[in-house]
Structure formats: C-alpha cells, structure tokens
C-alpha cells in the first residue's frame, strides 16, 4: 500500500526505508556539507534520504519541498525524460 505524504511523514524511519525500497524511484544524489542526499520519487511526491558521508548512516528521510527540488536538482536531471513534474 502506498502512503500519501501526510501518512509518510508519520511512519517510522524503518517503514520509510521499506516503502522507498519497494515503491520509490531513485532519481539522483547530491552532496551537502557532511551529507549525501538521495532524491526519490514516491507516490507523486519527492523524498530526500540524508546519509552521513563518514559512515553512510541514514540521518533522516523527509519529503522534499518543491522549492528544494527545483533549486537543488533541476540542473542535474530532466523531469520530462523521467515522466515526472514538480
């Protein structure tokens, strides 16, 4: 079962990982300070997975605000080619 954005925010980190592994579409990654941030598309919205560069631990998984996707990723990806839109 896919989760809407509100329900996705409420589930545990472990459940978020499971949902992204099963139904998320990996798009790209970027680095920011001490983190590697992976961008996924899941059930009509974008999700960022923040991992520490030093150990590769998942720091957080959050829904990416539309502005963040536009500012941080659109130079690196073509959403039209992926069949997605912001």
N, C-alpha and C. Protein backbone atom coordinates (compact mmCIF):
# COMPACT_ATOMS: atom_id res chain seq x y z
N UNK A 1 0.83 -1.18 0.00
CA UNK A 1 0.00 0.00 0.00
C UNK A 1 0.88 1.25 0.00
N UNK A 2 0.63 2.14 -0.92
CA UNK A 2 1.38 3.39 -0.99
C UNK A 2 0.82 4.39 0.02
N UNK A 3 1.69 5.21 0.55
CA UNK A 3 1.31 6.21 1.55
C UNK A 3 1.22 7.59 0.93
N UNK A 4 0.20 8.35 1.33
CA UNK A 4 0.18 9.75 0.91
C UNK A 4 1.22 10.50 1.74
N UNK A 5 1.48 11.73 1.38
CA UNK A 5 2.56 12.50 2.01
C UNK A 5 2.35 12.63 3.52
N UNK A 6 1.14 12.85 3.95
CA UNK A 6 0.85 13.02 5.38
C UNK A 6 1.16 11.74 6.16
N UNK A 7 0.74 10.60 5.63
CA UNK A 7 1.00 9.33 6.30
C UNK A 7 2.48 8.96 6.24
N UNK A 8 3.14 9.30 5.13
CA UNK A 8 4.57 9.01 5.01
C UNK A 8 5.36 9.71 6.11
N UNK A 9 4.99 10.94 6.41
CA UNK A 9 5.69 11.70 7.44
C UNK A 9 5.51 11.07 8.82
N UNK A 10 4.44 10.36 9.03
CA UNK A 10 4.12 9.81 10.35
C UNK A 10 4.76 8.46 10.65
N UNK A 11 5.14 7.70 9.62
CA UNK A 11 5.66 6.36 9.87
C UNK A 11 7.11 6.41 10.33
N UNK A 12 7.59 5.31 10.85
CA UNK A 12 8.96 5.23 11.37
C UNK A 12 9.99 5.30 10.25
N UNK A 13 11.21 5.56 10.62
CA UNK A 13 12.31 5.61 9.66
C UNK A 13 12.42 4.27 8.93
N UNK A 14 12.30 3.19 9.67
CA UNK A 14 12.38 1.85 9.07
C UNK A 14 11.29 1.65 8.02
N UNK A 15 10.07 2.09 8.31
CA UNK A 15 8.97 1.96 7.35
C UNK A 15 9.21 2.83 6.11
N UNK A 16 9.76 4.02 6.31
CA UNK A 16 10.07 4.88 5.17
C UNK A 16 11.08 4.21 4.25
N UNK A 17 12.10 3.60 4.84
CA UNK A 17 13.11 2.89 4.04
C UNK A 17 12.45 1.77 3.25
N UNK A 18 11.61 1.00 3.91
CA UNK A 18 10.93 -0.13 3.27
C UNK A 18 10.06 0.34 2.09
N UNK A 19 9.29 1.41 2.30
CA UNK A 19 8.43 1.92 1.23
C UNK A 19 9.26 2.43 0.05
N UNK A 20 10.35 3.13 0.33
CA UNK A 20 11.19 3.62 -0.77
C UNK A 20 11.85 2.47 -1.52
N UNK A 21 12.28 1.45 -0.81
CA UNK A 21 12.89 0.29 -1.47
C UNK A 21 11.90 -0.42 -2.37
N UNK A 22 10.66 -0.53 -1.91
CA UNK A 22 9.65 -1.28 -2.66
C UNK A 22 8.99 -0.47 -3.78
N UNK A 23 8.76 0.81 -3.54
CA UNK A 23 7.95 1.58 -4.49
C UNK A 23 8.57 2.90 -4.94
N UNK A 24 9.68 3.29 -4.36
CA UNK A 24 10.30 4.55 -4.73
C UNK A 24 11.13 4.42 -5.99
N UNK A 25 11.26 5.51 -6.68
CA UNK A 25 12.09 5.57 -7.89
C UNK A 25 13.28 6.47 -7.57
N UNK A 26 14.47 5.89 -7.56
CA UNK A 26 15.68 6.68 -7.32
C UNK A 26 15.92 7.58 -8.52
N UNK A 27 16.23 8.85 -8.24
CA UNK A 27 16.44 9.80 -9.33
C UNK A 27 17.90 10.24 -9.41
N UNK A 28 18.44 10.79 -8.34
CA UNK A 28 19.82 11.29 -8.36
C UNK A 28 20.28 11.51 -6.93
N UNK A 29 21.53 11.92 -6.80
CA UNK A 29 22.05 12.27 -5.47
C UNK A 29 22.90 13.52 -5.58
N UNK A 30 23.11 14.15 -4.42
CA UNK A 30 23.97 15.32 -4.33
C UNK A 30 24.64 15.31 -2.97
N UNK A 31 25.69 16.10 -2.82
CA UNK A 31 26.37 16.23 -1.54
C UNK A 31 26.11 17.62 -0.98
N UNK A 32 25.96 17.66 0.33
CA UNK A 32 25.77 18.93 1.04
C UNK A 32 26.43 18.78 2.40
N UNK A 33 27.45 19.60 2.64
CA UNK A 33 28.22 19.55 3.88
C UNK A 33 28.67 18.12 4.16
N UNK A 34 28.23 17.54 5.27
CA UNK A 34 28.67 16.18 5.66
C UNK A 34 27.70 15.11 5.20
N UNK A 35 26.81 15.44 4.26
CA UNK A 35 25.75 14.50 3.88
C UNK A 35 25.75 14.20 2.38
N UNK A 36 25.31 13.01 2.06
CA UNK A 36 24.97 12.62 0.70
C UNK A 36 23.44 12.51 0.71
N UNK A 37 22.80 13.20 -0.21
CA UNK A 37 21.34 13.27 -0.22
C UNK A 37 20.84 12.60 -1.49
N UNK A 38 20.05 11.57 -1.31
CA UNK A 38 19.47 10.83 -2.43
C UNK A 38 18.04 11.29 -2.63
N UNK A 39 17.70 11.59 -3.87
CA UNK A 39 16.35 12.03 -4.21
C UNK A 39 15.57 10.87 -4.83
N UNK A 40 14.38 10.63 -4.29
CA UNK A 40 13.48 9.61 -4.78
C UNK A 40 12.14 10.25 -5.17
N UNK A 41 11.44 9.59 -6.06
CA UNK A 41 10.06 9.94 -6.35
C UNK A 41 9.21 8.80 -5.81
N UNK A 42 8.21 9.17 -5.01
CA UNK A 42 7.37 8.15 -4.38
C UNK A 42 5.92 8.65 -4.35
N UNK A 43 5.05 7.93 -4.97
CA UNK A 43 3.60 8.18 -4.92
C UNK A 43 3.22 9.64 -5.22
N UNK A 44 3.88 10.25 -6.19
CA UNK A 44 3.52 11.59 -6.61
C UNK A 44 4.26 12.72 -5.93
N UNK A 45 5.18 12.43 -5.05
CA UNK A 45 5.98 13.47 -4.40
C UNK A 45 7.43 13.02 -4.29
N UNK A 46 8.29 13.98 -3.96
CA UNK A 46 9.72 13.71 -3.87
C UNK A 46 10.15 13.54 -2.42
N UNK A 47 11.10 12.63 -2.21
CA UNK A 47 11.60 12.32 -0.88
C UNK A 47 13.12 12.38 -0.92
N UNK A 48 13.72 13.00 0.10
CA UNK A 48 15.17 13.04 0.23
C UNK A 48 15.61 12.12 1.37
N UNK A 49 16.62 11.31 1.08
CA UNK A 49 17.25 10.46 2.09
C UNK A 49 18.62 11.06 2.38
N UNK A 50 18.81 11.51 3.63
CA UNK A 50 20.05 12.14 4.05
C UNK A 50 20.93 11.09 4.73
N UNK A 51 22.12 10.86 4.16
CA UNK A 51 23.07 9.89 4.73
C UNK A 51 24.36 10.61 5.08
N UNK A 52 24.96 10.20 6.18
CA UNK A 52 26.24 10.79 6.57
C UNK A 52 27.32 10.28 5.63
N UNK A 53 28.22 11.17 5.21
CA UNK A 53 29.30 10.76 4.33
C UNK A 53 30.31 9.88 5.06
N UNK A 54 30.53 10.15 6.33
CA UNK A 54 31.57 9.43 7.06
C UNK A 54 31.22 7.96 7.30
N UNK A 55 29.99 7.67 7.66
CA UNK A 55 29.63 6.29 7.98
C UNK A 55 28.54 5.71 7.08
N UNK A 56 27.87 6.55 6.30
CA UNK A 56 26.81 6.07 5.43
C UNK A 56 25.51 5.79 6.15
N UNK A 57 25.42 6.23 7.42
CA UNK A 57 24.19 6.04 8.18
C UNK A 57 23.10 6.97 7.66
N UNK A 58 21.87 6.51 7.71
CA UNK A 58 20.75 7.37 7.33
C UNK A 58 20.46 8.32 8.48
N UNK A 59 20.56 9.60 8.19
CA UNK A 59 20.32 10.65 9.18
C UNK A 59 18.84 10.98 9.25
N UNK A 60 18.22 11.13 8.08
CA UNK A 60 16.79 11.41 8.04
C UNK A 60 16.23 11.10 6.66
N UNK A 61 14.91 10.93 6.63
CA UNK A 61 14.18 10.77 5.38
C UNK A 61 12.99 11.72 5.47
N UNK A 62 12.97 12.68 4.56
CA UNK A 62 11.94 13.70 4.60
C UNK A 62 11.38 13.97 3.22
N UNK A 63 10.16 14.43 3.18
CA UNK A 63 9.57 14.87 1.92
C UNK A 63 10.28 16.14 1.49
N UNK A 64 10.70 16.18 0.24
CA UNK A 64 11.44 17.33 -0.29
C UNK A 64 10.45 18.41 -0.71
N UNK A 65 10.61 19.61 -0.18
CA UNK A 65 9.75 20.72 -0.64
C UNK A 65 9.99 20.99 -2.13
N UNK A 66 8.93 21.38 -2.81
CA UNK A 66 9.02 21.65 -4.25
C UNK A 66 10.16 22.62 -4.57
N UNK A 67 10.30 23.65 -3.76
CA UNK A 67 11.36 24.64 -3.99
C UNK A 67 12.74 24.00 -3.91
N UNK A 68 12.94 23.09 -2.96
CA UNK A 68 14.22 22.41 -2.81
C UNK A 68 14.55 21.58 -4.04
N UNK A 69 13.55 20.90 -4.57
CA UNK A 69 13.77 20.07 -5.77
C UNK A 69 14.16 20.96 -6.94
N UNK A 70 13.44 22.07 -7.11
CA UNK A 70 13.73 22.97 -8.22
C UNK A 70 15.12 23.58 -8.11
N UNK A 71 15.49 24.04 -6.91
CA UNK A 71 16.77 24.72 -6.73
C UNK A 71 17.95 23.76 -6.70
N UNK A 72 17.78 22.59 -6.14
CA UNK A 72 18.91 21.70 -5.89
C UNK A 72 19.14 20.65 -6.96
N UNK A 73 18.12 20.29 -7.71
CA UNK A 73 18.27 19.13 -8.59
C UNK A 73 18.02 19.39 -10.07
N UNK A 74 17.27 20.42 -10.43
CA UNK A 74 16.85 20.52 -11.82
C UNK A 74 17.99 20.74 -12.80
N UNK A 75 19.13 21.21 -12.34
CA UNK A 75 20.27 21.31 -13.24
C UNK A 75 20.84 19.93 -13.57
N UNK A 76 20.62 18.96 -12.68
CA UNK A 76 21.21 17.64 -12.84
C UNK A 76 20.26 16.63 -13.49
N UNK A 77 18.96 16.91 -13.49
CA UNK A 77 18.01 15.94 -14.02
C UNK A 77 17.02 16.60 -14.96
N UNK A 78 16.42 15.78 -15.80
CA UNK A 78 15.37 16.25 -16.71
C UNK A 78 14.09 15.50 -16.33
N UNK A 79 13.19 16.19 -15.64
CA UNK A 79 11.97 15.55 -15.17
C UNK A 79 11.08 15.08 -16.30
N UNK A 80 11.11 15.79 -17.43
CA UNK A 80 10.30 15.37 -18.58
C UNK A 80 10.74 13.99 -19.07
N UNK A 81 12.05 13.76 -19.12
CA UNK A 81 12.55 12.46 -19.55
C UNK A 81 12.13 11.35 -18.59
N UNK A 82 12.00 11.70 -17.32
CA UNK A 82 11.60 10.71 -16.31
C UNK A 82 10.08 10.57 -16.25
N UNK A 83 9.35 11.43 -16.97
CA UNK A 83 7.90 11.40 -16.93
C UNK A 83 7.33 11.97 -15.64
N UNK A 84 8.08 12.87 -15.00
CA UNK A 84 7.68 13.46 -13.73
C UNK A 84 7.57 14.97 -13.86
N UNK A 85 6.91 15.58 -12.89
CA UNK A 85 6.86 17.03 -12.86
C UNK A 85 6.85 17.50 -11.41
N UNK A 86 7.28 18.73 -11.20
CA UNK A 86 7.28 19.32 -9.86
C UNK A 86 6.03 20.13 -9.70
